[in-house]
């Protein structure tokens, strides 16, 4: 009887590890420090962050909490509203995609971009990322010279998930061309949902994660962007993306 009990406890413990979740996947918790909105409760270490530290220099939060238009209504329920915008004064500035990601913001680097540290420690192996999104893409009205052919076409958004064997958060620096590569050797699991069409309200999604091997992850990265090509200052100022109620499924 004792052996059966011990075995049951071990199985329950293993199951709890396997079904690991992240803080604030529901996106209900937000707080404001000065003028900046953060996607976590006051006093809580940030699992999530946005680009608001960079855009607030010119008085704008591009990623904010949404309290009335949510996927699952109820007391205290919120969603994330990501609105692509031009950040500048008198026509001088840059187009900015709104983003929401696991990790933390680094710093602004002049007018050329910014750095962020992507990913947080994690050891689970989920099979998919589930949630809800609502998307209203506009026509691209700001385009970097490398994306000039996209001007006038419909903006795209995306939701990505990475499971990796990183030893520390991954430095993204769009001023140096340091971007994410899902085919990198230390990315062991990856899934993506490309957002290309307007939705009529919230749409439920489930992004399958494809694993390259059976290694145990050390980091997880989830990246949401209202404008897919925002890292090269390309997109539409009419684009708005709402996301809500994320869940890691096993």
Protein backbone atom coordinates (compact mmCIF):
# COMPACT_ATOMS: atom_id res chain seq x y z
CA UNK A 1 0.00 0.00 0.00
CA UNK A 2 2.84 2.38 0.90
CA UNK A 3 4.58 1.69 -2.44
CA UNK A 4 1.37 2.49 -4.34
CA UNK A 5 0.96 5.75 -2.42
CA UNK A 6 4.56 6.81 -3.10
CA UNK A 7 4.18 5.94 -6.79
CA UNK A 8 0.96 7.97 -6.99
CA UNK A 9 2.64 10.97 -5.35
CA UNK A 10 5.58 10.75 -7.75
CA UNK A 11 3.24 10.58 -10.73
CA UNK A 12 1.29 13.59 -9.48
CA UNK A 13 4.51 15.51 -8.94
CA UNK A 14 5.78 14.64 -12.41
CA UNK A 15 2.44 15.64 -13.89
CA UNK A 16 2.51 19.01 -12.15
CA UNK A 17 5.98 19.69 -13.56
CA UNK A 18 4.92 18.66 -17.03
CA UNK A 19 1.88 20.96 -16.94
CA UNK A 20 3.90 24.04 -16.00
CA UNK A 21 2.21 27.37 -16.72
CA UNK A 22 3.37 31.00 -16.70
CA UNK A 23 2.31 33.91 -14.54
CA UNK A 24 -0.46 36.11 -16.02
CA UNK A 25 -1.22 34.02 -19.08
CA UNK A 26 -4.78 35.29 -18.61
CA UNK A 27 -3.45 38.85 -19.19
CA UNK A 28 -5.70 40.11 -16.38
CA UNK A 29 -2.88 41.67 -14.33
CA UNK A 30 -1.67 45.15 -15.30
CA UNK A 31 -0.15 48.03 -13.38
CA UNK A 32 0.95 51.58 -14.09
CA UNK A 33 4.20 53.12 -12.93
CA UNK A 34 4.13 56.82 -13.74
CA UNK A 35 2.81 56.95 -17.29
CA UNK A 36 3.91 53.45 -18.33
CA UNK A 37 1.59 50.46 -18.46
CA UNK A 38 3.12 47.08 -17.53
CA UNK A 39 1.52 43.63 -18.07
CA UNK A 40 1.93 42.46 -14.48
CA UNK A 41 0.62 43.37 -11.04
CA UNK A 42 2.42 46.03 -9.00
CA UNK A 43 5.29 44.49 -7.06
CA UNK A 44 5.36 41.33 -9.17
CA UNK A 45 8.51 40.39 -11.06
CA UNK A 46 7.86 40.84 -14.74
CA UNK A 47 7.31 37.64 -16.69
CA UNK A 48 5.85 39.84 -19.44
CA UNK A 49 6.86 43.17 -20.92
CA UNK A 50 6.09 45.50 -23.83
CA UNK A 51 7.84 48.21 -25.82
CA UNK A 52 6.10 50.93 -23.80
CA UNK A 53 9.33 52.04 -22.12
CA UNK A 54 10.58 53.08 -25.52
CA UNK A 55 7.44 54.69 -26.91
CA UNK A 56 6.52 56.56 -23.73
CA UNK A 57 9.43 58.93 -24.42
CA UNK A 58 6.99 60.60 -26.81
CA UNK A 59 4.00 60.09 -24.56
CA UNK A 60 2.46 56.90 -25.96
CA UNK A 61 1.77 53.43 -24.61
CA UNK A 62 1.33 51.18 -27.65
CA UNK A 63 0.31 48.16 -25.53
CA UNK A 64 -2.38 48.69 -22.89
CA UNK A 65 -4.98 46.78 -20.86
CA UNK A 66 -8.49 46.48 -22.29
CA UNK A 67 -11.30 46.15 -19.74
CA UNK A 68 -14.50 46.10 -21.77
CA UNK A 69 -13.66 44.21 -24.98
CA UNK A 70 -12.48 40.87 -23.60
CA UNK A 71 -12.74 37.25 -24.74
CA UNK A 72 -14.02 35.94 -21.40
CA UNK A 73 -16.09 38.47 -19.40
CA UNK A 74 -16.12 38.56 -15.63
CA UNK A 75 -14.94 40.52 -12.59
CA UNK A 76 -11.34 41.66 -12.98
CA UNK A 77 -11.04 40.31 -16.52
CA UNK A 78 -8.80 42.18 -18.95
CA UNK A 79 -7.24 41.65 -22.34
CA UNK A 80 -4.18 43.21 -24.00
CA UNK A 81 -4.75 45.86 -26.68
CA UNK A 82 -1.83 46.27 -29.09
CA UNK A 83 -2.14 49.29 -31.39
CA UNK A 84 0.49 50.08 -34.03
CA UNK A 85 1.32 53.79 -34.08
CA UNK A 86 3.62 56.45 -35.45
CA UNK A 87 5.76 57.65 -32.57
CA UNK A 88 6.99 61.16 -33.24
CA UNK A 89 6.33 64.87 -33.41
CA UNK A 90 5.62 67.02 -36.49
CA UNK A 91 6.29 64.10 -38.81
CA UNK A 92 9.67 63.27 -37.27
CA UNK A 93 9.85 59.86 -35.65
CA UNK A 94 9.34 56.16 -36.34
CA UNK A 95 6.55 53.69 -36.91
CA UNK A 96 6.15 51.34 -33.93
CA UNK A 97 4.45 47.97 -33.83
CA UNK A 98 2.88 47.16 -30.47
CA UNK A 99 4.29 44.07 -28.81
CA UNK A 100 3.79 41.80 -25.82
CA UNK A 101 6.43 39.23 -24.90
CA UNK A 102 7.97 37.14 -22.15
CA UNK A 103 11.17 38.80 -20.99
CA UNK A 104 12.05 42.42 -20.33
CA UNK A 105 12.76 45.61 -22.24
CA UNK A 106 16.37 46.69 -22.61
CA UNK A 107 16.91 50.24 -23.79
CA UNK A 108 16.19 52.66 -26.60
CA UNK A 109 19.09 53.12 -29.02
CA UNK A 110 18.70 56.58 -30.49
CA UNK A 111 16.07 56.73 -33.23
CA UNK A 112 17.16 53.44 -34.80
CA UNK A 113 15.47 50.98 -32.46
CA UNK A 114 15.82 49.27 -29.12
CA UNK A 115 16.97 46.14 -27.34
CA UNK A 116 15.01 43.58 -25.38
CA UNK A 117 15.82 40.42 -23.48
CA UNK A 118 13.51 37.69 -24.72
CA UNK A 119 12.44 34.63 -22.78
CA UNK A 120 12.00 33.49 -19.16
CA UNK A 121 13.12 30.28 -17.39
CA UNK A 122 10.83 27.34 -18.07
CA UNK A 123 11.14 23.52 -18.13
CA UNK A 124 7.76 22.27 -19.38
CA UNK A 125 7.07 20.78 -22.83
CA UNK A 126 3.61 22.07 -23.83
CA UNK A 127 2.05 20.76 -27.03
CA UNK A 128 0.36 24.05 -27.96
CA UNK A 129 -0.37 27.64 -27.04
CA UNK A 130 -4.10 28.30 -26.78
CA UNK A 131 -5.95 31.60 -26.52
CA UNK A 132 -8.09 34.20 -28.24
CA UNK A 133 -7.35 37.09 -30.56
CA UNK A 134 -9.21 39.84 -32.40
CA UNK A 135 -7.46 41.54 -35.29
CA UNK A 136 -8.13 44.63 -37.36
CA UNK A 137 -5.29 45.16 -39.86
CA UNK A 138 -4.88 48.37 -41.82
CA UNK A 139 -3.13 49.12 -45.10
CA UNK A 140 0.61 49.60 -44.60
CA UNK A 141 1.33 53.34 -44.66
CA UNK A 142 4.86 53.27 -43.21
CA UNK A 143 7.52 51.12 -44.85
CA UNK A 144 11.26 50.84 -44.49
CA UNK A 145 13.14 50.96 -47.80
CA UNK A 146 13.81 47.23 -47.49
CA UNK A 147 10.02 46.63 -47.34
CA UNK A 148 8.95 49.33 -49.82
CA UNK A 149 7.02 46.80 -51.91
CA UNK A 150 4.66 46.19 -48.96
CA UNK A 151 3.34 49.75 -48.85
CA UNK A 152 -0.40 49.80 -49.52
CA UNK A 153 -0.81 46.09 -48.78
CA UNK A 154 -2.60 44.68 -45.72
CA UNK A 155 -0.60 44.66 -42.51
CA UNK A 156 0.09 41.31 -40.83
CA UNK A 157 0.43 40.42 -37.17
CA UNK A 158 1.73 37.27 -35.52
CA UNK A 159 1.91 35.21 -32.35
CA UNK A 160 4.99 33.04 -31.82
CA UNK A 161 6.14 30.62 -29.15
CA UNK A 162 9.70 29.35 -28.64
CA UNK A 163 10.97 26.57 -26.35
CA UNK A 164 14.75 26.75 -26.09
CA UNK A 165 17.88 25.57 -24.30
CA UNK A 166 19.22 29.09 -23.76
CA UNK A 167 21.29 29.75 -20.63
CA UNK A 168 20.02 33.33 -20.39
CA UNK A 169 17.43 35.56 -22.07
CA UNK A 170 18.08 36.12 -25.77
CA UNK A 171 19.24 39.61 -26.67
CA UNK A 172 17.26 41.13 -29.56
CA UNK A 173 18.76 44.31 -31.00
CA UNK A 174 17.01 45.46 -34.16
CA UNK A 175 19.66 48.13 -34.75
CA UNK A 176 22.22 45.36 -35.29
CA UNK A 177 20.02 42.89 -37.14
CA UNK A 178 19.94 40.62 -34.08
CA UNK A 179 16.56 38.94 -34.48
CA UNK A 180 14.90 35.66 -33.60
CA UNK A 181 15.63 32.58 -35.68
CA UNK A 182 13.29 29.63 -35.11
CA UNK A 183 15.76 27.36 -36.92
CA UNK A 184 18.63 28.11 -34.53
CA UNK A 185 20.14 24.94 -32.92
CA UNK A 186 19.12 25.97 -29.39
CA UNK A 187 15.46 26.41 -30.37
CA UNK A 188 13.99 22.97 -29.70
CA UNK A 189 10.29 23.81 -30.09
CA UNK A 190 8.45 26.42 -32.13
CA UNK A 191 4.96 27.46 -33.19
CA UNK A 192 3.57 30.47 -35.01
CA UNK A 193 0.21 31.91 -36.00
CA UNK A 194 0.29 34.46 -38.83
CA UNK A 195 -2.53 37.00 -38.64
CA UNK A 196 -3.50 38.14 -42.12
CA UNK A 197 -7.23 38.90 -42.07
CA UNK A 198 -9.66 40.97 -40.02
CA UNK A 199 -11.80 39.03 -37.56
CA UNK A 200 -15.41 39.50 -36.53
CA UNK A 201 -14.84 39.63 -32.80
CA UNK A 202 -12.57 37.28 -30.90
CA UNK A 203 -11.34 34.08 -32.53
CA UNK A 204 -10.15 31.06 -30.56
CA UNK A 205 -6.74 29.73 -31.59
CA UNK A 206 -4.45 26.83 -30.77
CA UNK A 207 -0.86 26.99 -32.02
CA UNK A 208 0.80 23.53 -32.24
CA UNK A 209 4.41 23.42 -31.06
CA UNK A 210 6.75 21.35 -33.22
CA UNK A 211 9.72 19.89 -31.36
CA UNK A 212 13.04 18.98 -32.96
CA UNK A 213 14.10 16.60 -30.19
CA UNK A 214 13.19 15.34 -26.72
CA UNK A 215 15.37 17.75 -24.74
CA UNK A 216 13.99 19.56 -21.70
CA UNK A 217 13.60 23.31 -22.34
CA UNK A 218 15.30 25.88 -20.14
CA UNK A 219 13.52 28.98 -21.50
CA UNK A 220 10.19 29.89 -23.06
CA UNK A 221 9.56 32.87 -25.30
CA UNK A 222 6.14 34.10 -26.39
CA UNK A 223 6.05 37.05 -28.79
CA UNK A 224 2.94 38.91 -29.96
CA UNK A 225 3.18 41.76 -32.48
CA UNK A 226 0.41 43.85 -33.99
CA UNK A 227 2.59 44.50 -37.07
CA UNK A 228 4.81 41.61 -38.12
CA UNK A 229 7.42 43.81 -39.80
CA UNK A 230 7.54 46.35 -36.99
CA UNK A 231 11.18 45.47 -36.26
CA UNK A 232 12.00 47.31 -39.51
CA UNK A 233 9.48 50.10 -38.86
CA UNK A 234 6.93 48.79 -41.36
CA UNK A 235 3.17 48.55 -40.83
CA UNK A 236 -0.11 50.38 -40.55
CA UNK A 237 -1.19 52.96 -37.98
CA UNK A 238 -4.73 51.57 -38.36
CA UNK A 239 -3.76 48.09 -37.11
CA UNK A 240 -5.11 46.93 -33.74
CA UNK A 241 -4.65 43.48 -32.18
CA UNK A 242 -6.32 42.20 -29.01
CA UNK A 243 -5.13 39.01 -27.28
CA UNK A 244 -6.60 37.32 -24.25
CA UNK A 245 -6.67 34.20 -22.07
CA UNK A 246 -3.48 32.41 -23.13
CA UNK A 247 -2.97 28.87 -21.91
CA UNK A 248 -0.19 26.33 -22.37
CA UNK A 249 -1.74 22.99 -23.25
CA UNK A 250 -0.17 19.58 -22.70
